[in-house]
Structure formats: structure tokens, C-alpha cells
Amino acid sequence: MKLRTLVFFLFLALSMTLNSAEAGRRKEKAHKKSGIVRIINNLYLSDIKSARDTDLLKRKGIKWILDVKANKKNLQAYKGDSSSAERSSSSGYNDKPDYDTYGKLRYRHISTKDKTDFNLKRHFEPAIQFIKYGIDRDEAVLVHCNMGVSRSVSIVMAFLMDQYCLSYDQSYALVKERRREMRPNSGFEKQLKKFWEEKQKECESSSDSSSSD
């Protein structure tokens, strides 16, 4: 191979590498800029900063917000020109969930801690109920915690397991594809795997019933 040809191919390979890296940086920059990622139709995930960006919420068409950080301080961004509380009992997934109304937003707070010994699993049912209620009305639901990598991710994974019979690995892969920085803590991972063990039996039973019909 002539030296000129070799240099050309080396230059071409270098250019492709640089272009690929630049495209990756642009994609990463856009990802960080939006902050809110779509997991499935009408289900979104984010950190607290993006969740308080009301302009971004409007652009995404988000009407329901599930906040699973430790406290619900600094809600001024949601209040706008009106705020009121709306309550109802919640004994099952199909009932109306508890939430607060801030203008056109429906907000629910579930206090959690990002600690390996925290029992997040006991909050799965009310969280799933809230998400399902919004999605069933064909409206967008946002789930967020502080960083959008552990607690909110775990809640979204539990919803996917419960409503779509996705396994732990399948739900993890789906969320990971949309939000690369996700990393549920080890305690939550164990709880999610336990939750899937319980749901798997229901999913298999439901599948068997459908096959026999």
C-alpha cells in the first residue's frame, strides 16, 4: 500500500472517530439539557431541577408529578396563580389516588430515603396507583427524586413490572436505555427483584388464563 493511501485511510479513520465522539458529546449535552426523559408513552423520569422547570413540563405536556424525594419543600414553582388540595381514599390501583392540585398540575409526594436499608417496596402500590391513574387518562406523568437515578428509577421499574409484566432485567434495560446514569442502590435492587418474584407468578397465571381462552 502506498504511503499516500495509508495516510488517507488513517486520516479517514481519525475523522470518523472524532465525528463520532463529537456526536456523542452533542447527544450527551442535549440529554443533560432536557433533564426529563421519556420511558414509555406518557411516563417520564427526571431529577428535581428539571421537575421544577415549569416551561419544560409544559413542553412535555406533563400533567401529573410523583415526587419521591425525602421532603416536599420548595413547591413555589408549581403553585402559579392557584393551589388547592384534593383528596380521596386509595384502597386499590383503580381508585382515585391522593394528590394536591397546583394550577393544572396534579402532584403527589411520597417521602423516601436513598438508603440501602430503606423499605421502598412498601411504597410501590400507591406510586403505581398514581402513575396508572394519570396514564389511564392519556396524560403524561413525571416521576422524580433528587438526582433521578435511584429512587425514581426504582419506582418506574416497579411500575413496568406491575403493569407490563417486564422482568427485573427487562425493566432495568429499558430504563437504562433512556437514562444511562440510572443506578438504584443495592437495597432497592434486592427489593425490586423480590417484587418481580411476586409479580412473575401473577403474570404467568394471567398468561396461562389468556392462552386457555
N, C-alpha and C. Protein backbone atom coordinates (compact mmCIF):
# COMPACT_ATOMS: atom_id res chain seq x y z
N MET A 1 0.85 -1.20 0.00
CA MET A 1 0.00 0.00 0.00
C MET A 1 0.88 1.25 0.00
N LYS A 2 0.58 2.18 -0.89
CA LYS A 2 1.36 3.40 -0.97
C LYS A 2 1.18 4.22 0.30
N LEU A 3 2.22 4.98 0.60
CA LEU A 3 2.21 5.81 1.80
C LEU A 3 1.04 6.79 1.78
N ARG A 4 0.79 7.38 0.58
CA ARG A 4 -0.31 8.36 0.45
C ARG A 4 -1.65 7.71 0.80
N THR A 5 -1.86 6.48 0.30
CA THR A 5 -3.11 5.76 0.58
C THR A 5 -3.23 5.44 2.06
N LEU A 6 -2.15 5.00 2.66
CA LEU A 6 -2.14 4.68 4.08
C LEU A 6 -2.48 5.91 4.91
N VAL A 7 -1.88 7.03 4.57
CA VAL A 7 -2.15 8.29 5.28
C VAL A 7 -3.62 8.67 5.15
N PHE A 8 -4.17 8.48 3.92
CA PHE A 8 -5.57 8.80 3.69
C PHE A 8 -6.49 8.00 4.60
N PHE A 9 -6.25 6.69 4.66
CA PHE A 9 -7.10 5.84 5.48
C PHE A 9 -6.95 6.16 6.98
N LEU A 10 -5.73 6.47 7.38
CA LEU A 10 -5.52 6.87 8.78
C LEU A 10 -6.27 8.16 9.09
N PHE A 11 -6.20 9.11 8.14
CA PHE A 11 -6.91 10.38 8.30
C PHE A 11 -8.42 10.16 8.35
N LEU A 12 -8.93 9.27 7.48
CA LEU A 12 -10.35 8.97 7.43
C LEU A 12 -10.81 8.32 8.73
N ALA A 13 -10.02 7.39 9.23
CA ALA A 13 -10.37 6.71 10.48
C ALA A 13 -10.39 7.69 11.64
N LEU A 14 -9.40 8.60 11.67
CA LEU A 14 -9.32 9.60 12.73
C LEU A 14 -10.52 10.55 12.66
N SER A 15 -10.89 10.95 11.45
CA SER A 15 -12.02 11.87 11.26
C SER A 15 -13.32 11.23 11.73
N MET A 16 -13.50 9.95 11.38
CA MET A 16 -14.71 9.24 11.80
C MET A 16 -14.78 9.12 13.31
N THR A 17 -13.63 8.86 13.94
CA THR A 17 -13.58 8.75 15.40
C THR A 17 -13.93 10.07 16.06
N LEU A 18 -13.35 11.16 15.53
CA LEU A 18 -13.62 12.49 16.08
C LEU A 18 -15.07 12.88 15.89
N ASN A 19 -15.62 12.59 14.70
CA ASN A 19 -17.02 12.92 14.43
C ASN A 19 -17.96 12.13 15.34
N SER A 20 -17.62 10.87 15.55
CA SER A 20 -18.43 10.03 16.42
C SER A 20 -18.39 10.55 17.85
N ALA A 21 -17.20 10.93 18.31
CA ALA A 21 -17.05 11.47 19.66
C ALA A 21 -17.82 12.77 19.82
N GLU A 22 -17.75 13.63 18.79
CA GLU A 22 -18.46 14.90 18.83
C GLU A 22 -19.97 14.69 18.85
N ALA A 23 -20.43 13.73 18.05
CA ALA A 23 -21.87 13.41 18.04
C ALA A 23 -22.31 12.91 19.40
N GLY A 24 -21.43 12.09 20.02
CA GLY A 24 -21.74 11.58 21.35
C GLY A 24 -21.83 12.69 22.36
N ARG A 25 -20.90 13.66 22.26
CA ARG A 25 -20.93 14.80 23.18
C ARG A 25 -22.17 15.65 22.99
N ARG A 26 -22.56 15.85 21.72
CA ARG A 26 -23.78 16.63 21.45
C ARG A 26 -25.01 15.94 22.01
N LYS A 27 -25.04 14.61 21.82
CA LYS A 27 -26.17 13.85 22.32
C LYS A 27 -26.23 13.90 23.84
N GLU A 28 -25.06 13.77 24.47
CA GLU A 28 -24.99 13.83 25.93
C GLU A 28 -25.39 15.21 26.44
N LYS A 29 -24.94 16.26 25.72
CA LYS A 29 -25.28 17.62 26.11
C LYS A 29 -26.78 17.85 26.01
N ALA A 30 -27.38 17.36 24.93
CA ALA A 30 -28.83 17.50 24.76
C ALA A 30 -29.58 16.73 25.82
N HIS A 31 -29.04 15.56 26.15
CA HIS A 31 -29.65 14.72 27.19
C HIS A 31 -29.66 15.45 28.53
N LYS A 32 -28.51 16.03 28.88
CA LYS A 32 -28.42 16.73 30.16
C LYS A 32 -29.25 18.00 30.15
N LYS A 33 -29.35 18.63 28.98
CA LYS A 33 -30.09 19.88 28.89
C LYS A 33 -31.58 19.66 29.12
N SER A 34 -32.14 18.60 28.55
CA SER A 34 -33.57 18.35 28.70
C SER A 34 -33.88 17.90 30.11
N GLY A 35 -33.06 16.99 30.65
CA GLY A 35 -33.26 16.55 32.03
C GLY A 35 -34.42 15.59 32.22
N ILE A 36 -35.47 15.72 31.43
CA ILE A 36 -36.64 14.86 31.51
C ILE A 36 -36.60 13.86 30.36
N VAL A 37 -36.64 12.58 30.69
CA VAL A 37 -36.58 11.56 29.65
C VAL A 37 -37.87 10.75 29.62
N ARG A 38 -38.26 10.38 28.42
CA ARG A 38 -39.47 9.56 28.22
C ARG A 38 -39.09 8.09 28.33
N ILE A 39 -39.77 7.37 29.21
CA ILE A 39 -39.53 5.95 29.39
C ILE A 39 -40.44 5.14 28.48
N ILE A 40 -41.72 5.37 28.58
CA ILE A 40 -42.72 4.83 27.66
C ILE A 40 -43.72 5.94 27.40
N ASN A 41 -44.71 5.68 26.59
CA ASN A 41 -45.71 6.70 26.29
C ASN A 41 -46.36 7.22 27.57
N ASN A 42 -46.28 8.54 27.77
CA ASN A 42 -46.88 9.24 28.92
C ASN A 42 -46.21 8.96 30.26
N LEU A 43 -45.04 8.36 30.26
CA LEU A 43 -44.30 8.15 31.52
C LEU A 43 -42.90 8.73 31.37
N TYR A 44 -42.58 9.69 32.25
CA TYR A 44 -41.30 10.40 32.19
C TYR A 44 -40.55 10.29 33.52
N LEU A 45 -39.25 10.54 33.44
CA LEU A 45 -38.36 10.43 34.60
C LEU A 45 -37.40 11.60 34.60
N SER A 46 -37.11 12.15 35.80
CA SER A 46 -36.17 13.27 35.84
C SER A 46 -35.60 13.48 37.24
N ASP A 47 -34.71 14.47 37.34
CA ASP A 47 -34.21 14.91 38.63
C ASP A 47 -35.08 16.08 39.12
N ILE A 48 -34.76 16.60 40.31
CA ILE A 48 -35.59 17.65 40.90
C ILE A 48 -35.48 18.96 40.13
N LYS A 49 -34.29 19.29 39.63
CA LYS A 49 -34.11 20.55 38.90
C LYS A 49 -35.02 20.63 37.68
N SER A 50 -35.05 19.57 36.91
CA SER A 50 -35.89 19.55 35.71
C SER A 50 -37.37 19.51 36.08
N ALA A 51 -37.69 18.83 37.17
CA ALA A 51 -39.08 18.72 37.59
C ALA A 51 -39.67 20.06 38.00
N ARG A 52 -38.81 21.01 38.37
CA ARG A 52 -39.29 22.33 38.78
C ARG A 52 -39.27 23.34 37.63
N ASP A 53 -38.87 22.90 36.46
CA ASP A 53 -38.85 23.77 35.28
C ASP A 53 -40.25 23.71 34.64
N THR A 54 -41.10 24.64 35.01
CA THR A 54 -42.50 24.60 34.55
C THR A 54 -42.63 24.77 33.04
N ASP A 55 -41.72 25.51 32.43
CA ASP A 55 -41.76 25.64 30.97
C ASP A 55 -41.47 24.30 30.31
N LEU A 56 -40.50 23.58 30.86
CA LEU A 56 -40.15 22.26 30.32
C LEU A 56 -41.31 21.28 30.54
N LEU A 57 -41.96 21.36 31.69
CA LEU A 57 -43.11 20.50 31.96
C LEU A 57 -44.22 20.74 30.94
N LYS A 58 -44.44 22.00 30.61
CA LYS A 58 -45.47 22.34 29.64
C LYS A 58 -45.11 21.82 28.25
N ARG A 59 -43.84 21.95 27.88
CA ARG A 59 -43.41 21.46 26.57
C ARG A 59 -43.57 19.96 26.45
N LYS A 60 -43.36 19.26 27.55
CA LYS A 60 -43.50 17.80 27.55
C LYS A 60 -44.96 17.37 27.74
N GLY A 61 -45.82 18.33 28.07
CA GLY A 61 -47.23 18.01 28.28
C GLY A 61 -47.50 17.26 29.57
N ILE A 62 -46.66 17.46 30.56
CA ILE A 62 -46.79 16.73 31.83
C ILE A 62 -47.88 17.34 32.71
N LYS A 63 -48.79 16.51 33.16
CA LYS A 63 -49.91 16.96 34.00
C LYS A 63 -49.86 16.37 35.40
N TRP A 64 -49.13 15.28 35.57
CA TRP A 64 -49.06 14.57 36.85
C TRP A 64 -47.61 14.45 37.29
N ILE A 65 -47.34 14.74 38.57
CA ILE A 65 -45.98 14.66 39.10
C ILE A 65 -45.96 13.82 40.36
N LEU A 66 -45.12 12.80 40.35
CA LEU A 66 -44.89 11.96 41.52
C LEU A 66 -43.49 12.27 42.05
N ASP A 67 -43.45 12.87 43.22
CA ASP A 67 -42.21 13.30 43.86
C ASP A 67 -41.86 12.29 44.96
N VAL A 68 -40.73 11.59 44.82
CA VAL A 68 -40.38 10.57 45.80
C VAL A 68 -39.09 10.90 46.55
N LYS A 69 -38.77 12.18 46.67
CA LYS A 69 -37.63 12.55 47.49
C LYS A 69 -38.07 12.62 48.96
N ALA A 70 -37.15 12.97 49.86
CA ALA A 70 -37.44 12.90 51.29
C ALA A 70 -38.52 13.88 51.76
N ASN A 71 -38.52 15.09 51.20
CA ASN A 71 -39.50 16.10 51.63
C ASN A 71 -40.07 16.81 50.42
N LYS A 72 -41.08 17.61 50.66
CA LYS A 72 -41.70 18.34 49.54
C LYS A 72 -41.56 19.85 49.71
N LYS A 73 -40.36 20.28 50.04
CA LYS A 73 -40.08 21.70 50.16
C LYS A 73 -40.00 22.35 48.78
N ASN A 74 -40.12 23.68 48.79
CA ASN A 74 -39.92 24.48 47.57
C ASN A 74 -40.87 24.11 46.44
N LEU A 75 -42.16 24.18 46.71
CA LEU A 75 -43.17 23.88 45.70
C LEU A 75 -43.69 25.14 45.00
N GLN A 76 -43.02 26.27 45.25
CA GLN A 76 -43.50 27.54 44.68
C GLN A 76 -43.60 27.48 43.17
N ALA A 77 -42.72 26.72 42.53
CA ALA A 77 -42.73 26.65 41.06
C ALA A 77 -44.04 26.11 40.53
N TYR A 78 -44.72 25.28 41.31
CA TYR A 78 -45.96 24.65 40.84
C TYR A 78 -47.20 25.49 41.15
N LYS A 79 -47.11 26.36 42.11
CA LYS A 79 -48.32 26.99 42.63
C LYS A 79 -48.97 27.97 41.65
N GLY A 80 -48.17 28.74 40.95
CA GLY A 80 -48.73 29.63 39.94
C GLY A 80 -49.77 30.56 40.54
N ASP A 81 -50.92 30.63 39.86
CA ASP A 81 -51.96 31.56 40.32
C ASP A 81 -53.02 30.88 41.17
N SER A 82 -52.91 29.57 41.39
CA SER A 82 -53.90 28.91 42.24
C SER A 82 -53.33 27.63 42.81
N SER A 83 -53.78 27.25 43.98
CA SER A 83 -53.37 25.98 44.59
C SER A 83 -54.49 25.49 45.49
N SER A 84 -54.76 24.22 45.42
CA SER A 84 -55.79 23.63 46.27
C SER A 84 -55.46 22.17 46.49
N ALA A 85 -56.05 21.59 47.52
CA ALA A 85 -55.81 20.19 47.83
C ALA A 85 -57.04 19.38 47.46
N GLU A 86 -56.80 18.22 46.90
CA GLU A 86 -57.89 17.32 46.54
C GLU A 86 -57.52 15.95 47.07
N ARG A 87 -58.40 15.34 47.84
CA ARG A 87 -58.08 14.09 48.50
C ARG A 87 -59.17 13.05 48.26
N SER A 88 -58.75 11.80 48.25
CA SER A 88 -59.70 10.70 48.21
C SER A 88 -58.99 9.46 48.75
N SER A 89 -59.77 8.48 49.19
CA SER A 89 -59.17 7.26 49.72
C SER A 89 -58.53 6.46 48.60
N SER A 90 -57.55 5.64 48.94
CA SER A 90 -56.87 4.84 47.93
C SER A 90 -56.68 3.42 48.45
N SER A 91 -57.58 2.54 48.06
CA SER A 91 -57.50 1.16 48.53
C SER A 91 -57.13 0.19 47.43
N GLY A 92 -56.93 0.68 46.21
CA GLY A 92 -56.56 -0.20 45.11
C GLY A 92 -56.10 0.58 43.92
N TYR A 93 -55.50 -0.09 42.95
CA TYR A 93 -54.92 0.58 41.79
C TYR A 93 -55.96 1.34 40.97
N ASN A 94 -57.21 0.93 40.99
CA ASN A 94 -58.22 1.54 40.14
C ASN A 94 -58.95 2.69 40.83
N ASP A 95 -58.66 2.93 42.11
CA ASP A 95 -59.30 4.03 42.83
C ASP A 95 -58.57 5.33 42.54
N LYS A 96 -59.26 6.41 42.87
CA LYS A 96 -58.65 7.73 42.69
C LYS A 96 -57.57 7.93 43.74
N PRO A 97 -56.35 8.26 43.35
CA PRO A 97 -55.26 8.41 44.33
C PRO A 97 -55.31 9.76 45.04
N ASP A 98 -54.57 9.86 46.12
CA ASP A 98 -54.40 11.14 46.81
C ASP A 98 -53.45 12.02 46.01
N TYR A 99 -53.77 13.29 45.90
CA TYR A 99 -52.85 14.23 45.26
C TYR A 99 -53.25 15.66 45.60
N ASP A 100 -52.32 16.57 45.38
CA ASP A 100 -52.57 18.01 45.52
C ASP A 100 -52.69 18.59 44.12
N THR A 101 -53.48 19.65 44.01
CA THR A 101 -53.64 20.32 42.72
C THR A 101 -52.97 21.69 42.78
N TYR A 102 -52.04 21.92 41.85
CA TYR A 102 -51.39 23.22 41.71
C TYR A 102 -51.65 23.71 40.30
N GLY A 103 -52.62 24.59 40.15
CA GLY A 103 -53.00 25.02 38.81
C GLY A 103 -53.49 23.83 38.01
N LYS A 104 -52.79 23.48 36.92
CA LYS A 104 -53.19 22.35 36.08
C LYS A 104 -52.39 21.09 36.40
N LEU A 105 -51.51 21.18 37.40
CA LEU A 105 -50.68 20.03 37.77
C LEU A 105 -51.30 19.24 38.91
N ARG A 106 -51.18 17.92 38.83
CA ARG A 106 -51.61 17.03 39.90
C ARG A 106 -50.34 16.47 40.53
N TYR A 107 -50.16 16.75 41.82
CA TYR A 107 -48.89 16.46 42.48
C TYR A 107 -49.09 15.51 43.65
N ARG A 108 -48.23 14.50 43.72
CA ARG A 108 -48.25 13.55 44.85
C ARG A 108 -46.83 13.41 45.39
N HIS A 109 -46.70 13.51 46.71
CA HIS A 109 -45.40 13.32 47.33
C HIS A 109 -45.41 12.06 48.18
N ILE A 110 -44.38 11.23 47.99
CA ILE A 110 -44.17 10.05 48.83
C ILE A 110 -42.77 10.16 49.40
N SER A 111 -42.67 10.31 50.70
CA SER A 111 -41.38 10.53 51.35
C SER A 111 -40.53 9.26 51.36
N THR A 112 -39.34 9.34 50.78
CA THR A 112 -38.43 8.20 50.73
C THR A 112 -37.00 8.65 51.02
N LYS A 113 -36.15 7.69 51.31
CA LYS A 113 -34.73 7.96 51.52
C LYS A 113 -33.91 7.04 50.63
N ASP A 114 -32.85 7.58 50.06
CA ASP A 114 -31.99 6.77 49.19
C ASP A 114 -30.95 6.06 50.04
N LYS A 115 -31.42 5.12 50.85
CA LYS A 115 -30.57 4.33 51.72
C LYS A 115 -30.86 2.85 51.46
N THR A 116 -29.83 2.04 51.56
CA THR A 116 -29.99 0.62 51.24
C THR A 116 -30.95 -0.10 52.17
N ASP A 117 -31.10 0.40 53.40
CA ASP A 117 -32.00 -0.26 54.35
C ASP A 117 -33.40 0.35 54.38
N PHE A 118 -33.66 1.31 53.48
CA PHE A 118 -35.00 1.92 53.44
C PHE A 118 -35.97 1.01 52.70
N ASN A 119 -37.16 0.83 53.27
CA ASN A 119 -38.17 -0.04 52.67
C ASN A 119 -38.96 0.73 51.61
N LEU A 120 -38.42 0.74 50.41
CA LEU A 120 -39.10 1.43 49.31
C LEU A 120 -40.27 0.60 48.77
N LYS A 121 -40.16 -0.70 48.90
CA LYS A 121 -41.15 -1.62 48.35
C LYS A 121 -42.56 -1.36 48.89
N ARG A 122 -42.65 -0.90 50.14
CA ARG A 122 -43.98 -0.65 50.72
C ARG A 122 -44.67 0.54 50.06
N HIS A 123 -43.91 1.34 49.32
CA HIS A 123 -44.49 2.49 48.62
C HIS A 123 -44.82 2.18 47.16
N PHE A 124 -44.52 0.98 46.71
CA PHE A 124 -44.76 0.65 45.30
C PHE A 124 -46.24 0.78 44.94
N GLU A 125 -47.12 0.24 45.77
CA GLU A 125 -48.55 0.23 45.43
C GLU A 125 -49.13 1.63 45.24
N PRO A 126 -48.97 2.56 46.22
CA PRO A 126 -49.52 3.91 45.99
C PRO A 126 -48.86 4.64 44.83
N ALA A 127 -47.57 4.38 44.61
CA ALA A 127 -46.87 5.02 43.49
C ALA A 127 -47.41 4.51 42.16
N ILE A 128 -47.56 3.20 42.05
CA ILE A 128 -48.10 2.60 40.83
C ILE A 128 -49.53 3.08 40.60
N GLN A 129 -50.30 3.17 41.66
CA GLN A 129 -51.69 3.63 41.55
C GLN A 129 -51.75 5.04 40.96
N PHE A 130 -50.89 5.92 41.46
CA PHE A 130 -50.86 7.31 40.99
C PHE A 130 -50.46 7.37 39.52
N ILE A 131 -49.39 6.68 39.16
CA ILE A 131 -48.91 6.68 37.77
C ILE A 131 -49.99 6.14 36.84
N LYS A 132 -50.57 5.02 37.21
CA LYS A 132 -51.59 4.38 36.38
C LYS A 132 -52.80 5.29 36.19
N TYR A 133 -53.19 5.97 37.24
CA TYR A 133 -54.36 6.85 37.17
C TYR A 133 -54.16 7.95 36.13
N GLY A 134 -52.97 8.54 36.12
CA GLY A 134 -52.68 9.59 35.14
C GLY A 134 -52.59 9.05 33.72
N ILE A 135 -51.87 7.94 33.55
CA ILE A 135 -51.69 7.37 32.22
C ILE A 135 -53.02 6.85 31.66
N ASP A 136 -53.87 6.29 32.51
CA ASP A 136 -55.18 5.81 32.06
C ASP A 136 -56.04 6.93 31.49
N ARG A 137 -55.72 8.16 31.87
CA ARG A 137 -56.44 9.32 31.34
C ARG A 137 -55.71 9.93 30.15
N ASP A 138 -54.75 9.19 29.63
CA ASP A 138 -53.96 9.62 28.47
C ASP A 138 -53.26 10.95 28.75
N GLU A 139 -52.74 11.09 29.97
CA GLU A 139 -51.99 12.28 30.36
C GLU A 139 -50.60 11.88 30.83
N ALA A 140 -49.65 12.77 30.64
CA ALA A 140 -48.25 12.47 30.93
C ALA A 140 -47.95 12.57 32.42
N VAL A 141 -47.20 11.60 32.92
CA VAL A 141 -46.83 11.51 34.33
C VAL A 141 -45.30 11.59 34.45
N LEU A 142 -44.82 12.42 35.36
CA LEU A 142 -43.39 12.53 35.64
C LEU A 142 -43.09 11.98 37.03
N VAL A 143 -42.09 11.11 37.11
CA VAL A 143 -41.61 10.60 38.39
C VAL A 143 -40.22 11.17 38.62
N HIS A 144 -39.98 11.73 39.80
CA HIS A 144 -38.66 12.31 40.06
C HIS A 144 -38.28 12.16 41.53
N CYS A 145 -36.97 12.20 41.78
CA CYS A 145 -36.44 12.31 43.14
C CYS A 145 -35.42 13.45 43.08
N ASN A 146 -34.32 13.37 43.81
CA ASN A 146 -33.34 14.45 43.75
C ASN A 146 -32.49 14.39 42.49
N MET A 147 -31.88 13.23 42.26
CA MET A 147 -30.95 13.08 41.14
C MET A 147 -31.56 12.32 39.96
N GLY A 148 -32.66 11.64 40.18
CA GLY A 148 -33.28 10.88 39.11
C GLY A 148 -32.50 9.64 38.72
N VAL A 149 -31.83 9.02 39.69
CA VAL A 149 -31.01 7.84 39.36
C VAL A 149 -31.32 6.61 40.21
N SER A 150 -31.94 6.78 41.38
CA SER A 150 -32.13 5.64 42.27
C SER A 150 -33.59 5.46 42.67
N ARG A 151 -34.12 6.36 43.47
CA ARG A 151 -35.49 6.19 43.97
C ARG A 151 -36.54 6.25 42.87
N SER A 152 -36.49 7.31 42.07
CA SER A 152 -37.48 7.45 41.00
C SER A 152 -37.33 6.34 39.96
N VAL A 153 -36.10 5.94 39.68
CA VAL A 153 -35.84 4.84 38.75
C VAL A 153 -36.47 3.55 39.27
N SER A 154 -36.31 3.30 40.57
CA SER A 154 -36.87 2.08 41.17
C SER A 154 -38.39 2.07 41.10
N ILE A 155 -39.01 3.22 41.32
CA ILE A 155 -40.47 3.32 41.23
C ILE A 155 -40.93 3.03 39.80
N VAL A 156 -40.24 3.60 38.84
CA VAL A 156 -40.60 3.38 37.43
C VAL A 156 -40.42 1.92 37.05
N MET A 157 -39.35 1.30 37.52
CA MET A 157 -39.14 -0.12 37.24
C MET A 157 -40.25 -0.97 37.85
N ALA A 158 -40.66 -0.65 39.07
CA ALA A 158 -41.75 -1.38 39.71
C ALA A 158 -43.05 -1.25 38.91
N PHE A 159 -43.29 -0.05 38.38
CA PHE A 159 -44.48 0.17 37.56
C PHE A 159 -44.44 -0.70 36.30
N LEU A 160 -43.30 -0.76 35.65
CA LEU A 160 -43.15 -1.56 34.43
C LEU A 160 -43.35 -3.05 34.72
N MET A 161 -42.85 -3.50 35.86
CA MET A 161 -43.06 -4.90 36.26
C MET A 161 -44.53 -5.19 36.50
N ASP A 162 -45.17 -4.28 37.22
CA ASP A 162 -46.56 -4.49 37.62
C ASP A 162 -47.53 -4.39 36.46
N GLN A 163 -47.36 -3.40 35.62
CA GLN A 163 -48.33 -3.12 34.58
C GLN A 163 -48.04 -3.82 33.25
N TYR A 164 -46.77 -4.12 32.98
CA TYR A 164 -46.40 -4.70 31.69
C TYR A 164 -45.74 -6.06 31.81
N CYS A 165 -45.65 -6.56 33.04
CA CYS A 165 -45.03 -7.87 33.29
C CYS A 165 -43.61 -7.95 32.73
N LEU A 166 -42.88 -6.84 32.79
CA LEU A 166 -41.47 -6.87 32.43
C LEU A 166 -40.68 -7.42 33.61
N SER A 167 -39.71 -8.26 33.34
CA SER A 167 -38.88 -8.81 34.41
C SER A 167 -37.97 -7.72 34.97
N TYR A 168 -37.26 -8.06 36.03
CA TYR A 168 -36.30 -7.11 36.59
C TYR A 168 -35.29 -6.69 35.52
N ASP A 169 -34.72 -7.67 34.84
CA ASP A 169 -33.71 -7.38 33.82
C ASP A 169 -34.28 -6.56 32.66
N GLN A 170 -35.50 -6.88 32.25
CA GLN A 170 -36.12 -6.16 31.13
C GLN A 170 -36.43 -4.71 31.50
N SER A 171 -36.98 -4.51 32.68
CA SER A 171 -37.31 -3.15 33.11
C SER A 171 -36.03 -2.33 33.33
N TYR A 172 -35.00 -2.97 33.87
CA TYR A 172 -33.72 -2.30 34.08
C TYR A 172 -33.13 -1.85 32.74
N ALA A 173 -33.14 -2.77 31.77
CA ALA A 173 -32.58 -2.46 30.46
C ALA A 173 -33.34 -1.34 29.77
N LEU A 174 -34.65 -1.35 29.90
CA LEU A 174 -35.47 -0.31 29.26
C LEU A 174 -35.17 1.06 29.84
N VAL A 175 -35.13 1.16 31.17
CA VAL A 175 -34.86 2.45 31.80
C VAL A 175 -33.41 2.88 31.53
N LYS A 176 -32.49 1.93 31.55
CA LYS A 176 -31.08 2.23 31.30
C LYS A 176 -30.88 2.80 29.90
N GLU A 177 -31.63 2.29 28.94
CA GLU A 177 -31.54 2.78 27.57
C GLU A 177 -31.94 4.25 27.48
N ARG A 178 -32.92 4.63 28.29
CA ARG A 178 -33.42 6.01 28.26
C ARG A 178 -32.63 6.94 29.18
N ARG A 179 -32.19 6.41 30.32
CA ARG A 179 -31.47 7.23 31.29
C ARG A 179 -30.20 6.49 31.73
N ARG A 180 -29.12 6.77 31.04
CA ARG A 180 -27.90 6.00 31.22
C ARG A 180 -27.32 6.07 32.62
N GLU A 181 -27.55 7.19 33.31
CA GLU A 181 -26.94 7.38 34.62
C GLU A 181 -27.72 6.69 35.75
N MET A 182 -28.79 6.00 35.42
CA MET A 182 -29.59 5.34 36.45
C MET A 182 -28.77 4.29 37.21
N ARG A 183 -28.98 4.23 38.54
CA ARG A 183 -28.29 3.23 39.35
C ARG A 183 -29.01 3.07 40.70
N PRO A 184 -30.06 2.26 40.75
CA PRO A 184 -30.73 2.00 42.03
C PRO A 184 -29.72 1.46 43.05
N ASN A 185 -29.85 1.87 44.30
CA ASN A 185 -28.91 1.35 45.29
C ASN A 185 -29.14 -0.15 45.50
N SER A 186 -28.19 -0.82 46.11
CA SER A 186 -28.23 -2.28 46.21
C SER A 186 -29.45 -2.77 46.99
N GLY A 187 -29.88 -1.98 47.98
CA GLY A 187 -31.07 -2.36 48.74
C GLY A 187 -32.31 -2.33 47.88
N PHE A 188 -32.44 -1.31 47.04
CA PHE A 188 -33.59 -1.20 46.15
C PHE A 188 -33.57 -2.31 45.09
N GLU A 189 -32.38 -2.65 44.63
CA GLU A 189 -32.27 -3.73 43.65
C GLU A 189 -32.82 -5.04 44.23
N LYS A 190 -32.49 -5.32 45.47
CA LYS A 190 -32.98 -6.54 46.12
C LYS A 190 -34.51 -6.50 46.26
N GLN A 191 -35.04 -5.33 46.62
CA GLN A 191 -36.48 -5.18 46.78
C GLN A 191 -37.20 -5.33 45.45
N LEU A 192 -36.62 -4.79 44.39
CA LEU A 192 -37.21 -4.91 43.06
C LEU A 192 -37.20 -6.35 42.58
N LYS A 193 -36.13 -7.06 42.85
CA LYS A 193 -36.05 -8.47 42.46
C LYS A 193 -37.08 -9.29 43.23
N LYS A 194 -37.27 -8.97 44.51
CA LYS A 194 -38.29 -9.63 45.31
C LYS A 194 -39.68 -9.31 44.77
N PHE A 195 -39.89 -8.06 44.41
CA PHE A 195 -41.17 -7.64 43.85
C PHE A 195 -41.47 -8.40 42.56
N TRP A 196 -40.44 -8.58 41.72
CA TRP A 196 -40.65 -9.31 40.48
C TRP A 196 -40.96 -10.78 40.74
N GLU A 197 -40.34 -11.37 41.74
CA GLU A 197 -40.64 -12.76 42.09
C GLU A 197 -42.13 -12.91 42.39
N GLU A 198 -42.69 -11.93 43.08
CA GLU A 198 -44.11 -11.97 43.43
C GLU A 198 -44.98 -11.71 42.20
N LYS A 199 -44.57 -10.74 41.39
CA LYS A 199 -45.37 -10.38 40.21
C LYS A 199 -45.27 -11.45 39.13
N GLN A 200 -44.15 -12.12 39.03
CA GLN A 200 -43.94 -13.12 37.99
C GLN A 200 -45.01 -14.21 38.05
N LYS A 201 -45.36 -14.62 39.26
CA LYS A 201 -46.39 -15.65 39.42
C LYS A 201 -47.73 -15.16 38.89
N GLU A 202 -48.06 -13.91 39.18
CA GLU A 202 -49.31 -13.33 38.69
C GLU A 202 -49.29 -13.22 37.17
N CYS A 203 -48.15 -12.80 36.63
CA CYS A 203 -48.03 -12.64 35.19
C CYS A 203 -48.15 -13.98 34.47
N GLU A 204 -47.51 -15.00 35.02
CA GLU A 204 -47.58 -16.33 34.42
C GLU A 204 -48.99 -16.89 34.50
N SER A 205 -49.65 -16.65 35.63
CA SER A 205 -51.02 -17.11 35.81
C SER A 205 -51.95 -16.42 34.83
N SER A 206 -51.76 -15.10 34.67
CA SER A 206 -52.58 -14.33 33.73
C SER A 206 -52.34 -14.79 32.29
N SER A 207 -51.09 -15.08 31.97
CA SER A 207 -50.74 -15.55 30.63
C SER A 207 -51.36 -16.91 30.35
N ASP A 208 -51.35 -17.79 31.34
CA ASP A 208 -51.94 -19.11 31.17
C ASP A 208 -53.44 -19.03 30.95
N SER A 209 -54.08 -18.10 31.69
CA SER A 209 -55.54 -17.92 31.55
C SER A 209 -55.89 -17.41 30.18
N SER A 210 -55.07 -16.48 29.66
CA SER A 210 -55.31 -15.90 28.34
C SER A 210 -55.14 -16.96 27.25
N SER A 211 -54.16 -17.85 27.44
CA SER A 211 -53.90 -18.89 26.45
C SER A 211 -55.01 -19.91 26.37
N SER A 212 -55.67 -20.14 27.52
CA SER A 212 -56.72 -21.16 27.56
C SER A 212 -58.07 -20.63 27.04
N ASP A 213 -58.20 -19.32 26.92
CA ASP A 213 -59.45 -18.71 26.46
C ASP A 213 -59.64 -18.93 24.95
